[in-house]
C-alpha atoms as a PDB file:
ATOM      1  CA  MET A   1     -25.679  47.998   9.474  1.00  0.00           C
ATOM      2  CA  ARG A   2     -28.213  45.269   9.228  1.00  0.00           C
ATOM      3  CA  ARG A   3     -28.506  44.964  12.865  1.00  0.00           C
ATOM      4  CA  ALA A   4     -29.132  48.650  13.141  1.00  0.00           C
ATOM      5  CA  GLY A   5     -31.760  49.083  10.759  1.00  0.00           C
ATOM      6  CA  ALA A   6     -34.229  45.926  11.835  1.00  0.00           C
ATOM      7  CA  VAL A   7     -33.843  47.894  15.728  1.00  0.00           C
ATOM      8  CA  VAL A   8     -35.202  51.242  13.614  1.00  0.00           C
ATOM      9  CA  LEU A   9     -37.997  48.994  11.791  1.00  0.00           C
ATOM     10  CA  VAL A  10     -38.636  47.617  14.958  1.00  0.00           C
ATOM     11  CA  LEU A  11     -39.076  50.338  16.985  1.00  0.00           C
ATOM     12  CA  GLY A  12     -41.142  52.445  14.069  1.00  0.00           C
ATOM     13  CA  LEU A  13     -43.366  49.708  13.919  1.00  0.00           C
ATOM     14  CA  LEU A  14     -43.823  49.594  17.899  1.00  0.00           C
ATOM     15  CA  LEU A  15     -44.296  53.192  18.073  1.00  0.00           C
ATOM     16  CA  ALA A  16     -46.954  53.154  15.052  1.00  0.00           C
ATOM     17  CA  GLY A  17     -49.122  50.433  16.779  1.00  0.00           C
ATOM     18  CA  CYS A  18     -49.146  52.908  20.077  1.00  0.00           C
ATOM     19  CA  ASP A  19     -50.733  56.122  20.811  1.00  0.00           C
ATOM     20  CA  GLY A  20     -49.434  58.917  23.924  1.00  0.00           C
ATOM     21  CA  GLY A  21     -50.817  57.199  26.786  1.00  0.00           C
ATOM     22  CA  ASP A  22     -48.805  54.245  26.795  1.00  0.00           C
ATOM     23  CA  ASP A  23     -46.482  53.370  29.031  1.00  0.00           C
ATOM     24  CA  THR A  24     -42.616  54.271  28.006  1.00  0.00           C
ATOM     25  CA  ALA A  25     -41.033  52.630  30.422  1.00  0.00           C
ATOM     26  CA  ALA A  26     -43.042  49.328  29.283  1.00  0.00           C
ATOM     27  CA  LEU A  27     -42.217  49.932  25.014  1.00  0.00           C
ATOM     28  CA  GLU A  28     -38.488  50.686  26.271  1.00  0.00           C
ATOM     29  CA  GLN A  29     -38.598  46.735  27.795  1.00  0.00           C
ATOM     30  CA  ARG A  30     -39.845  45.690  24.599  1.00  0.00           C
ATOM     31  CA  ILE A  31     -37.134  47.691  22.599  1.00  0.00           C
ATOM     32  CA  THR A  32     -34.244  46.402  24.900  1.00  0.00           C
ATOM     33  CA  GLU A  33     -35.807  42.471  24.470  1.00  0.00           C
ATOM     34  CA  LEU A  34     -36.068  42.790  20.463  1.00  0.00           C
ATOM     35  CA  GLU A  35     -32.754  43.845  20.544  1.00  0.00           C
ATOM     36  CA  GLN A  36     -31.430  40.858  22.144  1.00  0.00           C
ATOM     37  CA  GLN A  37     -33.220  38.502  20.374  1.00  0.00           C
ATOM     38  CA  LEU A  38     -31.925  40.092  17.359  1.00  0.00           C
ATOM     39  CA  ALA A  39     -28.288  39.995  18.913  1.00  0.00           C
ATOM     40  CA  VAL A  40     -28.455  36.439  18.973  1.00  0.00           C
ATOM     41  CA  ALA A  41     -29.787  35.894  15.617  1.00  0.00           C
ATOM     42  CA  THR A  42     -27.196  37.922  13.948  1.00  0.00           C
ATOM     43  CA  SER A  43     -24.436  36.378  16.085  1.00  0.00           C
ATOM     44  CA  THR A  44     -25.372  33.204  15.844  1.00  0.00           C
ATOM     45  CA  THR A  45     -22.082  31.209  14.589  1.00  0.00           C
ATOM     46  CA  VAL A  46     -23.084  27.714  12.352  1.00  0.00           C
ATOM     47  CA  ALA A  47     -19.988  25.416  13.442  1.00  0.00           C
ATOM     48  CA  VAL A  48     -19.319  23.642   9.693  1.00  0.00           C
ATOM     49  CA  THR A  49     -17.336  20.321  10.594  1.00  0.00           C
ATOM     50  CA  THR A  50     -14.976  19.207   7.341  1.00  0.00           C
ATOM     51  CA  THR A  51     -14.602  15.249   7.584  1.00  0.00           C
ATOM     52  CA  VAL A  52     -11.346  14.597   5.709  1.00  0.00           C
ATOM     53  CA  ALA A  53     -11.006  11.172   4.504  1.00  0.00           C
ATOM     54  CA  THR A  54      -7.597   9.789   4.489  1.00  0.00           C
ATOM     55  CA  THR A  55      -7.298   6.884   2.368  1.00  0.00           C
ATOM     56  CA  THR A  56      -4.999   3.952   3.062  1.00  0.00           C
ATOM     57  CA  THR A  57      -4.791   1.486   0.391  1.00  0.00           C
ATOM     58  CA  THR A  58      -4.499  -2.379   1.521  1.00  0.00           C
ATOM     59  CA  VAL A  59      -3.207  -4.456  -0.759  1.00  0.00           C
ATOM     60  CA  ALA A  60      -4.790  -7.791  -0.414  1.00  0.00           C
ATOM     61  CA  SER A  61      -3.004 -10.547  -1.975  1.00  0.00           C
ATOM     62  CA  GLY A  62      -5.231 -11.434  -4.547  1.00  0.00           C
ATOM     63  CA  GLU A  63      -4.893  -7.830  -6.279  1.00  0.00           C
ATOM     64  CA  ARG A  64      -2.761  -7.579  -9.116  1.00  0.00           C
ATOM     65  CA  VAL A  65      -0.786  -4.261  -7.591  1.00  0.00           C
ATOM     66  CA  LEU A  66       1.473  -1.866 -10.104  1.00  0.00           C
ATOM     67  CA  VAL A  67       5.295  -1.094  -8.485  1.00  0.00           C
ATOM     68  CA  TYR A  68       8.110   0.742 -10.002  1.00  0.00           C
ATOM     69  CA  GLY A  69      11.354   2.565  -8.462  1.00  0.00           C
ATOM     70  CA  THR A  70      14.659   2.726  -8.928  1.00  0.00           C
ATOM     71  CA  ALA A  71      17.726   0.006  -8.478  1.00  0.00           C
ATOM     72  CA  ASP A  72      21.603   0.794  -7.648  1.00  0.00           C
ATOM     73  CA  CYS A  73      23.370  -2.076  -8.443  1.00  0.00           C
ATOM     74  CA  GLU A  74      27.294  -3.423  -8.567  1.00  0.00           C
ATOM     75  CA  THR A  75      28.018  -5.551 -11.484  1.00  0.00           C
ATOM     76  CA  THR A  76      31.067  -7.617 -11.700  1.00  0.00           C
ATOM     77  CA  VAL A  77      32.361  -9.319 -14.749  1.00  0.00           C
ATOM     78  CA  ASP A  78      35.347 -11.188 -15.118  1.00  0.00           C
ATOM     79  CA  PHE A  79      36.287 -10.319 -18.777  1.00  0.00           C
ATOM     80  CA  ASP A  80      39.790 -11.666 -18.504  1.00  0.00           C
ATOM     81  CA  ALA A  81      38.045 -15.619 -18.322  1.00  0.00           C
ATOM     82  CA  GLY A  82      35.762 -15.703 -20.924  1.00  0.00           C
ATOM     83  CA  THR A  83      34.665 -18.370 -22.676  1.00  0.00           C
ATOM     84  CA  ASP A  84      35.174 -18.082 -27.019  1.00  0.00           C
ATOM     85  CA  GLU A  85      32.437 -19.640 -28.616  1.00  0.00           C
ATOM     86  CA  GLY A  86      33.528 -18.287 -32.075  1.00  0.00           C
ATOM     87  CA  TRP A  87      30.957 -15.977 -32.503  1.00  0.00           C
ATOM     88  CA  ARG A  88      30.427 -14.438 -29.487  1.00  0.00           C
ATOM     89  CA  THR A  89      32.854 -14.830 -25.765  1.00  0.00           C
ATOM     90  CA  VAL A  90      30.669 -15.965 -22.451  1.00  0.00           C
ATOM     91  CA  TYR A  91      31.528 -13.804 -19.202  1.00  0.00           C
ATOM     92  CA  VAL A  92      30.410 -15.121 -15.946  1.00  0.00           C
ATOM     93  CA  MET A  93      28.420 -11.907 -13.924  1.00  0.00           C
ATOM     94  CA  ASP A  94      27.717 -11.974 -10.080  1.00  0.00           C
ATOM     95  CA  GLY A  95      25.988  -8.287  -8.684  1.00  0.00           C
ATOM     96  CA  VAL A  96      24.138  -6.428  -5.880  1.00  0.00           C
ATOM     97  CA  CYS A  97      21.805  -4.062  -6.264  1.00  0.00           C
ATOM     98  CA  THR A  98      19.885  -2.321  -3.433  1.00  0.00           C
ATOM     99  CA  THR A  99      16.158  -1.466  -4.744  1.00  0.00           C
ATOM    100  CA  THR A 100      14.169   1.213  -4.028  1.00  0.00           C
ATOM    101  CA  SER A 101      10.416   0.528  -4.519  1.00  0.00           C
ATOM    102  CA  SER A 102       6.511   1.889  -4.397  1.00  0.00           C
ATOM    103  CA  ASP A 103       5.711  -1.420  -3.014  1.00  0.00           C
ATOM    104  CA  PRO A 104       8.069  -2.383   0.583  1.00  0.00           C
ATOM    105  CA  ARG A 105       7.254  -5.550  -0.617  1.00  0.00           C
ATOM    106  CA  VAL A 106       9.916  -5.462  -3.635  1.00  0.00           C
ATOM    107  CA  SER A 107      12.276  -2.680  -1.927  1.00  0.00           C
ATOM    108  CA  GLY A 108      15.776  -4.505  -0.270  1.00  0.00           C
ATOM    109  CA  ARG A 109      18.718  -5.887  -1.512  1.00  0.00           C
ATOM    110  CA  GLU A 110      18.846  -8.742  -4.488  1.00  0.00           C
ATOM    111  CA  GLU A 111      21.758 -10.426  -5.210  1.00  0.00           C
ATOM    112  CA  PHE A 112      22.542 -12.531  -8.663  1.00  0.00           C
ATOM    113  CA  HIS A 113      24.612 -14.909 -10.720  1.00  0.00           C
ATOM    114  CA  GLY A 114      24.725 -15.313 -14.305  1.00  0.00           C
ATOM    115  CA  THR A 115      26.201 -15.020 -17.776  1.00  0.00           C
ATOM    116  CA  TYR A 116      27.368 -12.117 -19.616  1.00  0.00           C
ATOM    117  CA  VAL A 117      27.474 -12.778 -23.259  1.00  0.00           C
ATOM    118  CA  MET A 118      29.719 -10.651 -25.958  1.00  0.00           C
ATOM    119  CA  PHE A 119      28.714 -10.655 -29.405  1.00  0.00           C
ATOM    120  CA  GLY A 120      31.397 -10.624 -32.844  1.00  0.00           C
ATOM    121  CA  ASP A 121      30.556  -6.326 -33.110  1.00  0.00           C
ATOM    122  CA  ALA A 122      30.869  -5.427 -29.417  1.00  0.00           C
ATOM    123  CA  THR A 123      27.825  -3.210 -30.052  1.00  0.00           C
ATOM    124  CA  VAL A 124      25.380  -5.948 -28.122  1.00  0.00           C
ATOM    125  CA  ALA A 125      25.609  -7.754 -25.418  1.00  0.00           C
ATOM    126  CA  GLN A 126      23.558 -10.368 -23.296  1.00  0.00           C
ATOM    127  CA  TRP A 127      22.919 -10.874 -19.969  1.00  0.00           C
ATOM    128  CA  THR A 128      21.185 -13.850 -17.577  1.00  0.00           C
ATOM    129  CA  CYS A 129      20.875 -14.131 -14.330  1.00  0.00           C
ATOM    130  CA  GLU A 130      19.963 -17.759 -13.588  1.00  0.00           C
ATOM    131  CA  GLU A 131      19.852 -17.330  -9.737  1.00  0.00           C
ATOM    132  CA  MET A 132      18.355 -14.125  -8.592  1.00  0.00           C
ATOM    133  CA  VAL A 133      17.177 -13.667  -4.861  1.00  0.00           C
ATOM    134  CA  LEU A 134      15.761 -10.738  -3.368  1.00  0.00           C
ATOM    135  CA  THR A 135      15.447 -10.081   0.435  1.00  0.00           C
ATOM    136  CA  THR A 136      13.273  -7.467   2.078  1.00  0.00           C
ATOM    137  CA  GLU A 137      11.688  -6.814   5.636  1.00  0.00           C
ATOM    138  CA  GLY A 138       8.946  -8.632   4.884  1.00  0.00           C
ATOM    139  CA  GLY A 139      10.150 -11.754   2.935  1.00  0.00           C
ATOM    140  CA  THR A 140      12.471 -13.338  -0.271  1.00  0.00           C
ATOM    141  CA  TRP A 141      11.540 -13.400  -3.922  1.00  0.00           C
ATOM    142  CA  ARG A 142      13.606 -15.497  -5.917  1.00  0.00           C
ATOM    143  CA  GLY A 143      13.582 -15.332  -9.549  1.00  0.00           C
ATOM    144  CA  SER A 144      15.514 -14.927 -12.728  1.00  0.00           C
ATOM    145  CA  CYS A 145      16.336 -12.251 -15.219  1.00  0.00           C
ATOM    146  CA  TRP A 146      17.577 -11.514 -18.720  1.00  0.00           C
ATOM    147  CA  GLY A 147      18.240  -8.301 -21.203  1.00  0.00           C
ATOM    148  CA  THR A 148      20.717  -6.852 -23.290  1.00  0.00           C
ATOM    149  CA  ASP A 149      23.331  -3.695 -23.404  1.00  0.00           C
ATOM    150  CA  THR A 150      23.661  -1.929 -26.315  1.00  0.00           C
ATOM    151  CA  TRP A 151      25.910   0.830 -27.276  1.00  0.00           C
ATOM    152  CA  ASP A 152      24.782   3.320 -29.999  1.00  0.00           C
ATOM    153  CA  ASP A 153      27.377   5.216 -32.191  1.00  0.00           C
ATOM    154  CA  ARG A 154      27.960   7.715 -29.181  1.00  0.00           C
ATOM    155  CA  ASN A 155      29.255   4.754 -27.561  1.00  0.00           C
ATOM    156  CA  THR A 156      26.043   5.515 -25.089  1.00  0.00           C
ATOM    157  CA  MET A 157      24.822   2.260 -22.994  1.00  0.00           C
ATOM    158  CA  TRP A 158      21.430   1.268 -22.993  1.00  0.00           C
ATOM    159  CA  VAL A 159      19.909  -1.501 -20.593  1.00  0.00           C
ATOM    160  CA  SER A 160      16.717  -3.253 -21.029  1.00  0.00           C
ATOM    161  CA  GLY A 161      16.062  -6.437 -19.125  1.00  0.00           C
ATOM    162  CA  LEU A 162      12.941  -8.445 -17.456  1.00  0.00           C
ATOM    163  CA  GLY A 163      12.933 -10.076 -14.255  1.00  0.00           C
ATOM    164  CA  THR A 164      10.799 -12.960 -12.981  1.00  0.00           C
ATOM    165  CA  TYR A 165      10.551 -14.167  -9.099  1.00  0.00           C
ATOM    166  CA  ALA A 166       8.339 -16.441  -6.903  1.00  0.00           C
ATOM    167  CA  GLY A 167       7.557 -15.120  -3.604  1.00  0.00           C
ATOM    168  CA  GLU A 168       8.933 -17.365  -0.490  1.00  0.00           C
ATOM    169  CA  GLY A 169       7.786 -17.180   2.931  1.00  0.00           C
ATOM    170  CA  ALA A 170       5.480 -14.050   3.265  1.00  0.00           C
ATOM    171  CA  TYR A 171       5.036 -13.454   0.019  1.00  0.00           C
ATOM    172  CA  ALA A 172       3.902 -17.747  -1.296  1.00  0.00           C
ATOM    173  CA  GLY A 173       1.545 -18.038  -3.289  1.00  0.00           C
ATOM    174  CA  LEU A 174       2.842 -14.255  -4.904  1.00  0.00           C
ATOM    175  CA  ALA A 175       4.719 -13.729  -8.661  1.00  0.00           C
ATOM    176  CA  TYR A 176       6.625 -10.465  -9.315  1.00  0.00           C
ATOM    177  CA  TYR A 177       7.305  -9.082 -12.668  1.00  0.00           C
ATOM    178  CA  GLU A 178       9.790  -6.586 -13.701  1.00  0.00           C
ATOM    179  CA  PHE A 179      10.797  -4.268 -16.708  1.00  0.00           C
ATOM    180  CA  ILE A 180      14.497  -2.604 -16.064  1.00  0.00           C
ATOM    181  CA  ALA A 181      15.605   0.202 -17.800  1.00  0.00           C
ATOM    182  CA  MET A 182      18.524   2.010 -17.908  1.00  0.00           C
ATOM    183  CA  TYR A 183      19.219   5.064 -20.547  1.00  0.00           C
ATOM    184  CA  PRO A 184      21.533   8.233 -21.217  1.00  0.00           C
ATOM    185  CA  GLU A 185      18.471  10.289 -19.024  1.00  0.00           C
ATOM    186  CA  SER A 186      17.688   7.952 -16.464  1.00  0.00           C
ATOM    187  CA  ASP A 187      20.540   8.629 -13.572  1.00  0.00           C
ATOM    188  CA  GLY A 188      20.649   5.082 -12.706  1.00  0.00           C
ATOM    189  CA  TYR A 189      18.285   1.365 -13.242  1.00  0.00           C
ATOM    190  CA  ARG A 190      14.668   2.065 -13.223  1.00  0.00           C
ATOM    191  CA  TYR A 191      11.819  -0.513 -13.225  1.00  0.00           C
ATOM    192  CA  MET A 192       8.387  -0.681 -13.348  1.00  0.00           C
ATOM    193  CA  GLY A 193       6.382  -4.035 -12.906  1.00  0.00           C
ATOM    194  CA  TRP A 194       3.516  -5.932 -10.808  1.00  0.00           C
ATOM    195  CA  ILE A 195       2.532  -7.937  -8.131  1.00  0.00           C
ATOM    196  CA  GLU A 196      -0.164 -10.867  -8.555  1.00  0.00           C
ATOM    197  CA  PRO A 197      -0.890 -13.862  -7.317  1.00  0.00           C
ATOM    198  CA  ALA A 198       0.887 -16.981  -8.881  1.00  0.00           C
ATOM    199  CA  GLU A 199      -0.872 -19.238 -11.139  1.00  0.00           C
END
């Protein structure tokens, strides 16, 4: 519609500027040229190139990096071989976890050995990992952990704890800290923490 109107306007201007003696063929030729120029102007497509920037976060060893994930654990406590200390009973604890993390540096297999302590009312237990090794594809973390298991009046267990690690091999010079939790709605162990340069 815009093109047709423009052609009519150009034609009107041309005719207005011409007298009866003008060469009709020359006029038609001029109209054809103008139509072609107008067609080019109205059909020109402006190409817009959109560049989508893909951000790849490269974590330098000198930065603190927050991590989070889940752990599938199998813990063994020999409740038949505890040491009764009167106000508490101490058991040997061993376990293996498979961790899945937001950072591949702490995703792997974790093995731990420690103690599991039950107190008199049996509604609170304290656990300690004297030896804890997390092995991943890129390196190894070695550390310790401690925490508590508590049972509410519905006999539902709630877990909270803390783990600290020092990096070895490719992770030498780094430290890893994690908070561990399990609660009725968590569907297993969950953790969050951070990796940072060791002090």
